[in-house]
Amino acid sequence: MNMKFVNMYTYRLAGGLLLLLALSCSKDTPAIEEPRPVFGEPVIRPKGQPMGDAVSTIIDARGGVLWFHGAVRLEVPPGAVEQPTAFGIQPIANTLDGTSPYPAFRLTPEGTHFKKPIQVSFIYEPQTGGAPQTRMVAFQNDKGVWCGVSTALDEAQHRLTVATTHFSDWVWFDLLSLRKDRESIGAGGTVNLQLLQQVLGELVPANHIDSVSLGAMDDIGYWKEDITISNWKIVSGPGKLEPQANKYGKLGDAVYTAPAVINEATEVEIQVEVESKYGYISDPTAPDGRRKLGKLILLTKILLEPDHYFFLEVDGVRQDLSKGASGAVMGGQITVSSANEAGVTVTLGCFGTGSGTYPGGINSGESFILVSVPSGGTRKSFHNVYVQCPDIRYSGVTEVGITDGAIEGTFSGTVYYSDQACGYSDSKSVKCTFKIKQH
């Protein structure tokens, strides 16, 4: 009974402290002389399914660089490989955090041990929610466990960088995060907010430091002496916010209630302050190799929806196209479209007439989007399709719901501009969110 209590207490303490330098999780676990104590269970997760096409190039002993659309960068130093080697980056489903809007990435060749460390950098958008101080990178080992590694943070460049001699599936994440159960609500609706922390999966002797295996997410505040939570408030927008105690007695939860009347689409921004006295992340660029968490301000946004709206996000920048939006279900097709005075136009077609999921394509049960934007005095048209000779490639997914009075849904994916017979010359990440009264 006493030993069970000690094991559970030590596991919880490791999860609360976030002292990553004393934790280990190797891709191929090395043999060790002394017994390996384990506190808690690392979470085994499935491998992510591909979510788009890979980029690739051949790099030889002279070294080289490979980019994935400005989001991931591989820097291969001279001597890392001896022979010409195919390197690749492919977006995949994020199985570490299924609620994250950001994909993981499969880096290849997997199973190769590089003779010199390769620099892997992830670029995050400046407007990305969360606190950069809590951000780090993880890889998935051959047992399906995600493992956080020492991560260099460059806030000015919005960049996270790690060094590795092996490839697998990689992703960036936040150790502490503010979550919400809904992105948007109508009049009188409520949103549940929750502060979560990434629990660590196991503890091993310090002389076998490699990285830290990751468990499940949990409510913040098990180790009460470390964490202080304060100053829940609405930064901008209407409504009411009520902080609440979580299962550890910390004010880590809150409920937001929208006003009874919403006349126009409005963003509500909410903040909470979190202070960690002792927590840190291993970071080779920080003093003593420790990026201390300290005092953090976490922000999130909630969209208040009127009965009719159309929002377009292009590379993370949102525009309101509600005024010109229209939609209809006719001719065996669902069509929504909109335009604004700046010359931006969007047309989205789903080849079907019912609610459901429509992956990118031009056949029955699929969806096609056209986004036109002004560029240098002309217009550039982007589609979720391009030709990769001899094949045609599609991107994105539309989720749509049909009621008697409205068409409601989202499209998320990549759109491409091409002025050539094969391939594309430009691409943008696009998200449409709409609720349109049927004509």
Protein backbone atom coordinates (compact mmCIF):
# COMPACT_ATOMS: atom_id res chain seq x y z
CA MET A 1 0.00 0.00 0.00
CA ASN A 2 2.80 2.43 0.91
CA MET A 3 4.77 1.63 -2.25
CA LYS A 4 1.68 2.18 -4.42
CA PHE A 5 1.16 5.57 -2.77
CA VAL A 6 4.82 6.54 -3.32
CA ASN A 7 4.70 5.54 -7.00
CA MET A 8 1.51 7.49 -7.65
CA TYR A 9 2.75 10.56 -5.77
CA THR A 10 6.07 10.57 -7.66
CA TYR A 11 4.33 10.23 -11.03
CA ARG A 12 2.02 13.13 -10.29
CA LEU A 13 4.95 15.19 -9.05
CA ALA A 14 6.83 14.57 -12.30
CA GLY A 15 3.78 15.61 -14.34
CA GLY A 16 3.33 18.78 -12.30
CA LEU A 17 6.95 19.92 -12.21
CA LEU A 18 7.59 19.64 -15.95
CA LEU A 19 11.31 19.30 -15.21
CA LEU A 20 12.16 17.81 -18.55
CA LEU A 21 15.91 17.45 -18.19
CA ALA A 22 15.47 14.65 -15.69
CA LEU A 23 13.24 12.61 -18.00
CA SER A 24 13.93 10.20 -20.83
CA CYS A 25 12.30 8.53 -23.82
CA SER A 26 14.53 7.32 -26.64
CA LYS A 27 13.42 6.24 -30.10
CA ASP A 28 15.16 2.90 -29.67
CA THR A 29 15.57 2.51 -25.90
CA PRO A 30 19.26 1.82 -25.05
CA ALA A 31 20.21 -0.96 -22.68
CA ILE A 32 20.89 0.34 -19.16
CA GLU A 33 22.62 -1.34 -16.27
CA GLU A 34 20.38 -0.34 -13.39
CA PRO A 35 16.61 -1.07 -13.26
CA ARG A 36 14.45 1.44 -15.08
CA PRO A 37 11.79 2.92 -12.78
CA VAL A 38 8.58 3.95 -14.51
CA PHE A 39 5.96 6.21 -12.97
CA GLY A 40 2.66 6.13 -14.80
CA GLU A 41 2.18 4.93 -18.36
CA PRO A 42 3.21 6.75 -21.55
CA VAL A 43 0.27 6.94 -23.95
CA ILE A 44 0.60 4.84 -27.11
CA ARG A 45 -1.06 6.52 -30.06
CA PRO A 46 -1.64 5.46 -33.69
CA LYS A 47 0.46 6.77 -36.53
CA GLY A 48 -1.06 9.76 -38.28
CA GLN A 49 -2.62 9.36 -41.71
CA PRO A 50 -1.31 11.57 -44.57
CA MET A 51 -3.17 14.87 -44.95
CA GLY A 52 -1.49 16.17 -48.08
CA ASP A 53 1.29 15.64 -50.58
CA ALA A 54 4.92 15.40 -49.55
CA VAL A 55 7.77 17.59 -50.75
CA SER A 56 11.09 15.88 -51.42
CA THR A 57 14.59 16.41 -52.75
CA ILE A 58 17.88 14.54 -53.11
CA ILE A 59 20.65 15.62 -50.75
CA ASP A 60 24.17 14.17 -50.85
CA ALA A 61 27.30 14.42 -48.71
CA ARG A 62 27.56 18.17 -49.41
CA GLY A 63 24.39 18.82 -47.40
CA GLY A 64 21.33 20.87 -48.30
CA VAL A 65 17.98 22.34 -47.26
CA LEU A 66 14.35 21.24 -47.74
CA TRP A 67 11.28 23.42 -46.94
CA PHE A 68 7.63 22.45 -46.62
CA HIS A 69 5.63 25.55 -47.63
CA GLY A 70 7.27 27.81 -45.07
CA ALA A 71 6.11 25.61 -42.16
CA VAL A 72 8.92 23.05 -41.70
CA ARG A 73 12.61 23.31 -42.62
CA LEU A 74 15.27 20.59 -42.75
CA GLU A 75 18.89 21.72 -42.72
CA VAL A 76 21.19 18.80 -43.55
CA PRO A 77 24.86 19.58 -42.77
CA PRO A 78 27.76 18.33 -44.90
CA GLY A 79 28.65 14.78 -43.97
CA ALA A 80 25.25 13.85 -42.50
CA VAL A 81 24.82 11.30 -45.30
CA GLU A 82 27.49 9.71 -47.47
CA GLN A 83 25.38 8.90 -50.54
CA PRO A 84 22.65 10.86 -52.41
CA THR A 85 19.58 10.39 -50.23
CA ALA A 86 15.90 11.23 -50.80
CA PHE A 87 14.63 13.52 -48.02
CA GLY A 88 10.91 14.21 -47.62
CA ILE A 89 8.35 16.12 -45.51
CA GLN A 90 4.65 15.17 -45.50
CA PRO A 91 1.79 16.59 -43.39
CA ILE A 92 -0.06 13.95 -41.37
CA ALA A 93 -2.84 13.84 -38.77
CA ASN A 94 -1.74 15.07 -35.36
CA THR A 95 -2.27 12.04 -33.09
CA LEU A 96 -0.57 13.69 -30.10
CA ASP A 97 -3.39 16.25 -29.97
CA GLY A 98 -6.43 15.51 -32.10
CA THR A 99 -7.97 18.90 -31.23
CA SER A 100 -5.01 20.89 -32.57
CA PRO A 101 -5.55 22.74 -35.87
CA TYR A 102 -1.90 22.13 -36.75
CA PRO A 103 -0.73 18.91 -38.45
CA ALA A 104 2.21 16.71 -37.55
CA PHE A 105 4.84 15.94 -40.19
CA ARG A 106 6.42 12.71 -41.40
CA LEU A 107 10.13 13.18 -42.06
CA THR A 108 11.91 10.66 -44.29
CA PRO A 109 14.04 8.61 -44.69
CA GLU A 110 12.87 6.92 -41.49
CA GLY A 111 15.16 4.32 -39.92
CA THR A 112 18.38 5.99 -41.13
CA HIS A 113 20.92 7.09 -38.53
CA PHE A 114 22.52 10.29 -39.75
CA LYS A 115 26.24 10.77 -39.09
CA LYS A 116 25.69 14.41 -38.05
CA PRO A 117 22.62 15.99 -36.40
CA ILE A 118 20.05 17.52 -38.75
CA GLN A 119 18.35 20.77 -37.76
CA VAL A 120 14.54 20.54 -37.92
CA SER A 121 12.68 23.85 -37.59
CA PHE A 122 8.94 24.47 -37.21
CA ILE A 123 7.54 27.91 -38.03
CA TYR A 124 4.36 28.90 -36.17
CA GLU A 125 2.08 31.80 -37.10
CA PRO A 126 2.51 34.98 -34.98
CA GLN A 127 -1.22 34.99 -34.17
CA THR A 128 -1.15 31.38 -32.96
CA GLY A 129 -2.87 31.13 -29.58
CA GLY A 130 -1.09 29.97 -26.45
CA ALA A 131 2.16 31.03 -24.82
CA PRO A 132 5.37 30.44 -26.85
CA GLN A 133 7.36 29.91 -23.61
CA THR A 134 5.50 26.59 -23.14
CA ARG A 135 6.15 25.38 -26.68
CA MET A 136 8.31 22.41 -27.62
CA VAL A 137 8.74 19.69 -30.26
CA ALA A 138 8.07 15.94 -30.02
CA PHE A 139 8.64 12.85 -32.18
CA GLN A 140 6.75 9.55 -32.20
CA ASN A 141 8.93 6.56 -31.42
CA ASP A 142 8.63 3.04 -32.85
CA LYS A 143 6.31 2.01 -30.00
CA GLY A 144 3.79 4.78 -30.81
CA VAL A 145 4.72 7.03 -27.86
CA TRP A 146 5.23 10.76 -28.49
CA CYS A 147 8.44 12.06 -26.89
CA GLY A 148 9.23 15.72 -26.23
CA VAL A 149 12.81 16.81 -26.95
CA SER A 150 15.04 19.74 -26.07
CA THR A 151 13.72 22.64 -28.16
CA ALA A 152 15.28 26.00 -29.07
CA LEU A 153 12.69 28.80 -29.15
CA ASP A 154 13.22 31.92 -31.28
CA GLU A 155 10.20 34.12 -30.52
CA ALA A 156 11.31 36.88 -32.91
CA GLN A 157 11.33 34.44 -35.86
CA HIS A 158 8.38 32.35 -34.55
CA ARG A 159 10.61 29.32 -34.85
CA LEU A 160 11.14 26.09 -32.87
CA THR A 161 14.31 24.13 -33.68
CA VAL A 162 15.59 20.70 -32.64
CA ALA A 163 18.63 18.62 -33.61
CA THR A 164 18.17 14.93 -34.43
CA THR A 165 20.06 12.02 -35.95
CA HIS A 166 16.89 10.07 -36.78
CA PHE A 167 13.61 10.75 -38.59
CA SER A 168 10.05 9.68 -37.80
CA ASP A 169 6.81 11.66 -37.22
CA TRP A 170 7.30 15.10 -35.59
CA VAL A 171 5.04 17.86 -34.20
CA TRP A 172 5.16 20.95 -31.97
CA PHE A 173 2.86 21.40 -28.97
CA ASP A 174 2.26 23.48 -25.82
CA LEU A 175 2.93 22.06 -22.36
CA LEU A 176 0.26 24.37 -20.91
CA SER A 177 -2.77 25.35 -22.94
CA LEU A 178 -6.16 27.06 -22.66
CA ARG A 179 -8.83 24.93 -24.34
CA LYS A 180 -12.45 25.62 -25.26
CA ASP A 181 -15.19 23.21 -26.24
CA ARG A 182 -16.58 25.45 -28.99
CA GLU A 183 -15.06 27.92 -31.44
CA SER A 184 -18.25 29.92 -31.94
CA ILE A 185 -21.70 30.33 -30.40
CA GLY A 186 -24.99 32.07 -30.99
CA ALA A 187 -27.01 34.34 -28.71
CA GLY A 188 -27.20 33.09 -25.12
CA GLY A 189 -24.85 30.18 -25.76
CA THR A 190 -22.06 29.03 -23.44
CA VAL A 191 -18.45 27.92 -23.94
CA ASN A 192 -16.55 25.83 -21.40
CA LEU A 193 -12.90 26.88 -20.94
CA GLN A 194 -10.25 24.67 -19.37
CA LEU A 195 -6.55 25.05 -18.53
CA LEU A 196 -4.71 21.81 -19.30
CA GLN A 197 -1.15 20.57 -18.91
CA GLN A 198 0.70 17.85 -20.77
CA VAL A 199 1.40 15.06 -18.28
CA LEU A 200 4.78 13.34 -18.49
CA GLY A 201 4.78 9.61 -18.99
CA GLU A 202 7.81 8.19 -17.20
CA LEU A 203 10.86 8.97 -15.09
CA VAL A 204 14.29 7.36 -15.59
CA PRO A 205 17.78 7.89 -14.14
CA ALA A 206 19.31 11.25 -15.08
CA ASN A 207 22.40 9.64 -16.67
CA HIS A 208 20.18 8.32 -19.48
CA ILE A 209 18.71 11.68 -20.51
CA ASP A 210 17.39 11.71 -24.07
CA SER A 211 13.85 13.11 -24.08
CA VAL A 212 10.57 12.90 -22.22
CA SER A 213 7.74 10.51 -23.04
CA LEU A 214 4.28 12.08 -22.99
CA GLY A 215 1.14 10.84 -21.30
CA ALA A 216 -2.37 12.28 -21.48
CA MET A 217 -3.53 15.85 -20.98
CA ASP A 218 -4.82 16.66 -17.50
CA ASP A 219 -6.32 19.54 -15.53
CA ILE A 220 -3.69 22.02 -14.44
CA GLY A 221 -2.61 22.27 -10.81
CA TYR A 222 -1.98 18.86 -9.24
CA TRP A 223 1.19 20.15 -7.59
CA LYS A 224 -0.44 23.14 -5.94
CA GLU A 225 2.75 24.73 -4.64
CA ASP A 226 4.03 25.33 -8.19
CA ILE A 227 1.04 26.75 -10.06
CA THR A 228 -0.87 29.99 -9.43
CA ILE A 229 -3.91 30.89 -11.57
CA SER A 230 -5.44 34.37 -11.56
CA ASN A 231 -7.05 37.21 -13.51
CA TRP A 232 -9.60 35.45 -15.69
CA LYS A 233 -11.19 38.28 -17.68
CA ILE A 234 -12.82 39.31 -20.95
CA VAL A 235 -10.26 41.45 -22.78
CA SER A 236 -12.67 42.57 -25.50
CA GLY A 237 -16.26 41.91 -26.51
CA PRO A 238 -19.55 41.42 -24.64
CA GLY A 239 -20.74 38.57 -22.44
CA LYS A 240 -20.09 37.12 -18.98
CA LEU A 241 -17.19 35.02 -17.66
CA GLU A 242 -17.35 32.86 -14.53
CA PRO A 243 -14.11 31.18 -13.25
CA GLN A 244 -14.60 27.78 -11.60
CA ALA A 245 -12.47 25.38 -9.56
CA ASN A 246 -11.15 22.26 -11.32
CA LYS A 247 -10.71 18.84 -9.72
CA TYR A 248 -7.50 20.01 -8.01
CA GLY A 249 -9.18 23.03 -6.43
CA LYS A 250 -7.46 25.50 -8.78
CA LEU A 251 -9.42 28.12 -10.76
CA GLY A 252 -8.44 26.34 -13.96
CA ASP A 253 -11.93 26.26 -15.52
CA ALA A 254 -14.33 28.98 -16.61
CA VAL A 255 -17.69 29.32 -18.36
CA TYR A 256 -18.33 32.08 -20.90
CA THR A 257 -21.94 33.08 -21.64
CA ALA A 258 -22.83 35.06 -24.76
CA PRO A 259 -25.26 38.00 -24.65
CA ALA A 260 -28.95 37.38 -25.35
CA VAL A 261 -28.82 39.37 -28.61
CA ILE A 262 -26.04 39.31 -31.27
CA ASN A 263 -26.53 41.86 -34.04
CA GLU A 264 -23.26 41.25 -35.89
CA ALA A 265 -20.37 38.82 -35.86
CA THR A 266 -18.09 39.71 -32.96
CA GLU A 267 -14.88 38.24 -31.58
CA VAL A 268 -14.60 37.92 -27.82
CA GLU A 269 -11.06 37.65 -26.43
CA ILE A 270 -10.50 36.02 -23.04
CA GLN A 271 -7.34 35.82 -20.96
CA VAL A 272 -6.06 34.06 -17.85
CA GLU A 273 -2.75 34.37 -16.04
CA VAL A 274 -0.73 31.31 -15.00
CA GLU A 275 2.49 31.39 -12.99
CA SER A 276 4.83 28.42 -12.55
CA LYS A 277 7.57 28.84 -9.94
CA TYR A 278 9.67 25.83 -10.88
CA GLY A 279 8.59 24.53 -14.29
CA TYR A 280 10.93 24.77 -17.27
CA ILE A 281 11.63 23.30 -20.70
CA SER A 282 15.03 22.08 -21.88
CA ASP A 283 16.25 24.73 -24.36
CA PRO A 284 19.92 24.91 -25.47
CA THR A 285 19.58 28.64 -26.21
CA ALA A 286 18.20 29.59 -22.76
CA PRO A 287 20.34 30.46 -19.71
CA ASP A 288 21.68 27.23 -18.16
CA GLY A 289 19.77 25.36 -20.88
CA ARG A 290 16.45 25.96 -19.09
CA ARG A 291 13.60 28.00 -20.52
CA LYS A 292 11.67 28.83 -17.36
CA LEU A 293 7.90 29.04 -17.67
CA GLY A 294 7.42 31.81 -15.10
CA LYS A 295 4.40 34.08 -15.51
CA LEU A 296 2.26 33.40 -18.59
CA ILE A 297 -0.76 35.12 -20.12
CA LEU A 298 -2.90 32.69 -22.11
CA LEU A 299 -5.43 34.05 -24.58
CA THR A 300 -8.26 32.58 -26.61
CA LYS A 301 -10.98 33.92 -28.88
CA ILE A 302 -14.64 32.99 -29.27
CA LEU A 303 -16.74 34.04 -32.26
CA LEU A 304 -20.24 35.33 -31.55
CA GLU A 305 -22.41 34.39 -34.51
CA PRO A 306 -25.44 36.18 -35.88
CA ASP A 307 -27.90 34.16 -37.94
CA HIS A 308 -25.98 34.88 -41.15
CA TYR A 309 -22.18 35.00 -41.60
CA PHE A 310 -19.28 34.10 -43.90
CA PHE A 311 -15.64 34.27 -42.73
CA LEU A 312 -12.56 33.56 -44.82
CA GLU A 313 -9.11 32.91 -43.34
CA VAL A 314 -6.13 33.04 -45.72
CA ASP A 315 -2.82 32.00 -44.14
CA GLY A 316 -4.29 32.78 -40.72
CA VAL A 317 -5.63 36.25 -41.61
CA ARG A 318 -9.41 36.43 -41.30
CA GLN A 319 -11.79 38.52 -43.40
CA ASP A 320 -15.52 39.08 -42.92
CA LEU A 321 -17.42 38.43 -46.17
CA SER A 322 -20.82 38.13 -44.50
CA LYS A 323 -22.44 41.04 -46.31
CA GLY A 324 -22.14 39.51 -49.79
CA ALA A 325 -22.75 35.87 -48.88
CA SER A 326 -25.40 33.69 -50.53
CA GLY A 327 -26.16 29.99 -50.76
CA ALA A 328 -28.49 27.47 -52.33
CA VAL A 329 -29.16 23.76 -52.76
CA MET A 330 -30.20 23.09 -56.33
CA GLY A 331 -29.24 21.04 -59.37
CA GLY A 332 -27.83 18.28 -57.21
CA GLN A 333 -25.29 20.63 -55.65
CA ILE A 334 -24.74 22.78 -52.54
CA THR A 335 -23.23 26.15 -53.43
CA VAL A 336 -22.15 29.00 -51.16
CA SER A 337 -20.33 32.13 -52.32
CA SER A 338 -19.37 35.61 -51.25
CA ALA A 339 -17.29 38.66 -52.14
CA ASN A 340 -16.17 41.89 -50.51
CA GLU A 341 -15.36 45.40 -51.68
CA ALA A 342 -11.63 44.64 -51.73
CA GLY A 343 -12.17 42.24 -54.63
CA VAL A 344 -11.88 38.96 -52.74
CA THR A 345 -14.35 36.33 -54.01
CA VAL A 346 -15.06 32.78 -52.82
CA THR A 347 -17.18 30.05 -54.39
CA LEU A 348 -17.55 26.66 -52.70
CA GLY A 349 -19.45 23.78 -54.26
CA CYS A 350 -20.33 20.42 -52.71
CA PHE A 351 -21.44 17.77 -55.20
CA GLY A 352 -24.40 16.47 -53.24
CA THR A 353 -27.52 17.76 -51.50
CA GLY A 354 -27.27 16.47 -47.92
CA SER A 355 -25.40 17.20 -44.72
CA GLY A 356 -22.05 15.46 -44.35
CA THR A 357 -18.33 15.43 -45.12
CA TYR A 358 -17.14 16.30 -48.63
CA PRO A 359 -13.41 15.75 -49.33
CA GLY A 360 -11.74 17.78 -52.07
CA GLY A 361 -12.61 16.73 -55.62
CA ILE A 362 -15.00 17.18 -58.52
CA ASN A 363 -16.98 13.96 -58.30
CA SER A 364 -20.15 13.09 -56.41
CA GLY A 365 -19.63 13.40 -52.66
CA GLU A 366 -16.66 15.77 -53.09
CA SER A 367 -16.13 19.55 -52.92
CA PHE A 368 -14.37 22.22 -54.97
CA ILE A 369 -13.42 25.76 -53.91
CA LEU A 370 -12.28 28.81 -55.87
CA VAL A 371 -10.71 31.78 -54.05
CA SER A 372 -9.79 34.89 -56.07
CA VAL A 373 -7.65 37.62 -54.55
CA PRO A 374 -6.28 40.90 -55.96
CA SER A 375 -2.55 40.77 -56.70
CA GLY A 376 -0.52 43.53 -58.33
CA GLY A 377 -3.43 45.08 -60.18
CA THR A 378 -4.74 41.72 -61.42
CA ARG A 379 -6.58 38.79 -59.85
CA LYS A 380 -5.05 35.45 -58.89
CA SER A 381 -7.38 32.47 -58.71
CA PHE A 382 -6.58 29.68 -56.25
CA HIS A 383 -8.28 26.26 -56.34
CA ASN A 384 -8.06 23.18 -54.13
CA VAL A 385 -6.77 21.28 -57.16
CA TYR A 386 -3.56 21.21 -59.19
CA VAL A 387 -1.92 18.95 -61.76
CA GLN A 388 1.08 16.91 -60.66
CA CYS A 389 1.76 15.32 -64.03
CA PRO A 390 0.21 13.01 -64.91
CA ASP A 391 -2.05 13.01 -61.85
CA ILE A 392 -4.59 15.53 -60.54
CA ARG A 393 -4.28 16.30 -56.83
CA TYR A 394 -7.01 17.65 -54.53
CA SER A 395 -6.90 19.17 -51.05
CA GLY A 396 -9.21 20.06 -48.20
CA VAL A 397 -12.42 18.88 -46.58
CA THR A 398 -15.85 20.52 -46.37
CA GLU A 399 -18.16 19.82 -43.44
CA VAL A 400 -21.68 21.02 -44.18
CA GLY A 401 -25.06 20.88 -42.49
CA ILE A 402 -28.37 21.59 -44.21
CA THR A 403 -31.48 22.76 -42.37
CA ASP A 404 -34.78 24.12 -43.63
CA GLY A 405 -33.52 27.68 -43.38
CA ALA A 406 -29.72 27.66 -43.58
CA ILE A 407 -26.53 26.13 -44.96
CA GLU A 408 -23.87 25.91 -42.26
CA GLY A 409 -20.35 24.53 -42.38
CA THR A 410 -16.61 24.89 -42.89
CA PHE A 411 -13.96 24.26 -45.52
CA SER A 412 -10.32 23.72 -44.45
CA GLY A 413 -7.43 22.98 -46.76
CA THR A 414 -4.77 24.27 -49.14
CA VAL A 415 -5.55 26.13 -52.36
CA TYR A 416 -3.14 26.44 -55.27
CA TYR A 417 -2.33 28.96 -58.01
CA SER A 418 -0.76 27.63 -61.16
CA ASP A 419 0.53 29.35 -64.29
CA GLN A 420 2.20 26.23 -65.59
CA ALA A 421 1.13 22.94 -67.12
CA CYS A 422 2.43 20.81 -64.28
CA GLY A 423 2.72 21.70 -60.60
CA TYR A 424 1.82 25.02 -58.99
CA SER A 425 3.61 28.31 -58.34
CA ASP A 426 1.87 29.47 -55.15
CA SER A 427 -0.32 28.05 -52.37
CA LYS A 428 -2.29 29.33 -49.40
CA SER A 429 -3.87 27.78 -46.33
CA VAL A 430 -7.61 28.56 -46.36
CA LYS A 431 -10.49 28.14 -43.94
CA CYS A 432 -14.09 29.20 -44.62
CA THR A 433 -16.72 29.30 -41.88
CA PHE A 434 -20.29 30.07 -42.91
CA LYS A 435 -23.95 30.05 -42.00
CA ILE A 436 -26.10 31.32 -44.84
CA LYS A 437 -29.83 31.63 -45.21
CA GLN A 438 -31.02 29.69 -48.26
CA HIS A 439 -32.51 31.65 -51.11
